[in-house]
Amino acid sequence: LGRAQRENLPPARLARKKRALTASGNEVSSPMHGVVVEISVKTGDAVEQGQVVAVVEAMKMMNEIRAHKAGTATTVHVKGGDTVEANSPLVTIE
């Protein structure tokens, strides 16, 4: 959200928006509904913080989904071509 848009949001809605953008835990999740175009890691791969782990197409835009922490990809939940909902897990990193 742009600054002008944030200033016009009620405080509760702004807090929800900030929480949605904060990653934690072991799951790398899709922030939006879309189609998985690419998964860049497989089970057992070492993952660096900030590394692109997936690309999700939403509304004709390609969105790089990056790891929020370093670790090992223990589970890959999706494959290319899968449709995912917002907040669906893509990869588990431990």
Protein backbone atom coordinates (compact mmCIF):
# COMPACT_ATOMS: atom_id res chain seq x y z
CA LEU A 1 0.00 0.00 0.00
CA GLY A 2 1.14 3.52 -0.71
CA ARG A 3 1.50 6.06 2.06
CA ALA A 4 -1.71 7.90 1.17
CA GLN A 5 -3.64 4.61 1.11
CA ARG A 6 -2.23 3.55 4.52
CA GLU A 7 -3.20 6.86 6.10
CA ASN A 8 -6.84 6.36 5.04
CA LEU A 9 -7.20 2.82 6.38
CA PRO A 10 -8.82 2.18 9.75
CA PRO A 11 -6.17 1.03 12.29
CA ALA A 12 -7.54 -2.54 12.55
CA ARG A 13 -7.38 -3.06 8.79
CA LEU A 14 -3.87 -1.62 8.57
CA ALA A 15 -2.72 -4.00 11.33
CA ARG A 16 -4.13 -6.99 9.43
CA LYS A 17 -2.34 -5.87 6.27
CA LYS A 18 1.00 -5.62 8.12
CA ARG A 19 0.54 -9.07 9.67
CA ALA A 20 -0.13 -10.57 6.25
CA LEU A 21 3.22 -9.25 5.05
CA THR A 22 5.20 -10.63 8.00
CA ALA A 23 6.53 -14.16 7.54
CA SER A 24 7.29 -16.46 10.44
CA GLY A 25 7.43 -20.14 11.25
CA ASN A 26 8.62 -22.76 8.81
CA GLU A 27 6.13 -22.25 5.96
CA VAL A 28 6.73 -20.16 2.87
CA SER A 29 3.17 -19.35 1.79
CA SER A 30 1.61 -17.81 -1.27
CA PRO A 31 0.52 -14.26 -0.47
CA MET A 32 -2.19 -14.41 -3.14
CA HIS A 33 -4.48 -16.71 -5.11
CA GLY A 34 -2.83 -17.77 -8.35
CA VAL A 35 -1.13 -20.46 -10.41
CA VAL A 36 2.29 -21.84 -9.51
CA VAL A 37 4.45 -21.24 -12.57
CA GLU A 38 7.72 -22.49 -11.10
CA ILE A 39 9.08 -24.15 -7.97
CA SER A 40 12.81 -23.44 -7.64
CA VAL A 41 13.62 -25.88 -4.82
CA LYS A 42 13.15 -29.57 -4.15
CA THR A 43 13.00 -31.53 -0.92
CA GLY A 44 16.42 -31.59 0.73
CA ASP A 45 17.74 -28.42 -0.97
CA ALA A 46 19.56 -25.81 1.11
CA VAL A 47 17.66 -22.52 1.01
CA GLU A 48 19.08 -19.07 1.72
CA GLN A 49 17.07 -16.22 3.21
CA GLY A 50 15.69 -14.12 0.36
CA GLN A 51 16.09 -16.89 -2.23
CA VAL A 52 13.24 -17.25 -4.75
CA VAL A 53 11.52 -20.55 -3.98
CA ALA A 54 8.49 -20.19 -6.27
CA VAL A 55 6.87 -18.00 -8.88
CA VAL A 56 3.10 -17.51 -8.69
CA GLU A 57 1.11 -15.91 -11.51
CA ALA A 58 -1.77 -13.76 -10.33
CA MET A 59 -3.74 -11.35 -12.49
CA LYS A 60 -1.26 -11.80 -15.38
CA MET A 61 1.68 -10.79 -13.16
CA MET A 62 4.56 -13.05 -12.15
CA ASN A 63 5.26 -12.83 -8.40
CA GLU A 64 8.52 -14.16 -6.99
CA ILE A 65 7.97 -15.81 -3.62
CA ARG A 66 11.12 -15.62 -1.48
CA ALA A 67 12.23 -17.56 1.59
CA HIS A 68 11.92 -15.59 4.83
CA LYS A 69 14.69 -17.62 6.49
CA ALA A 70 17.60 -19.93 5.67
CA GLY A 71 17.37 -23.69 6.19
CA THR A 72 16.58 -26.91 4.36
CA ALA A 73 13.46 -27.44 2.24
CA THR A 74 11.84 -30.36 4.07
CA THR A 75 8.55 -30.41 2.13
CA VAL A 76 7.49 -28.98 -1.22
CA HIS A 77 3.69 -28.75 -1.08
CA VAL A 78 2.97 -27.80 -4.72
CA LYS A 79 4.17 -28.38 -8.28
CA GLY A 80 4.15 -26.23 -11.39
CA GLY A 81 0.62 -25.72 -12.72
CA ASP A 82 -1.10 -26.05 -9.32
CA THR A 83 -3.63 -23.40 -8.36
CA VAL A 84 -3.11 -22.06 -4.83
CA GLU A 85 -5.21 -19.94 -2.53
CA ALA A 86 -3.84 -17.01 -0.54
CA ASN A 87 -1.81 -18.21 2.47
CA SER A 88 -1.44 -21.75 1.07
CA PRO A 89 1.90 -23.32 2.03
CA LEU A 90 4.33 -23.70 -0.86
CA VAL A 91 7.50 -24.93 0.87
CA THR A 92 8.40 -25.89 4.44
CA ILE A 93 11.86 -24.79 5.54
CA GLU A 94 13.45 -26.13 8.73
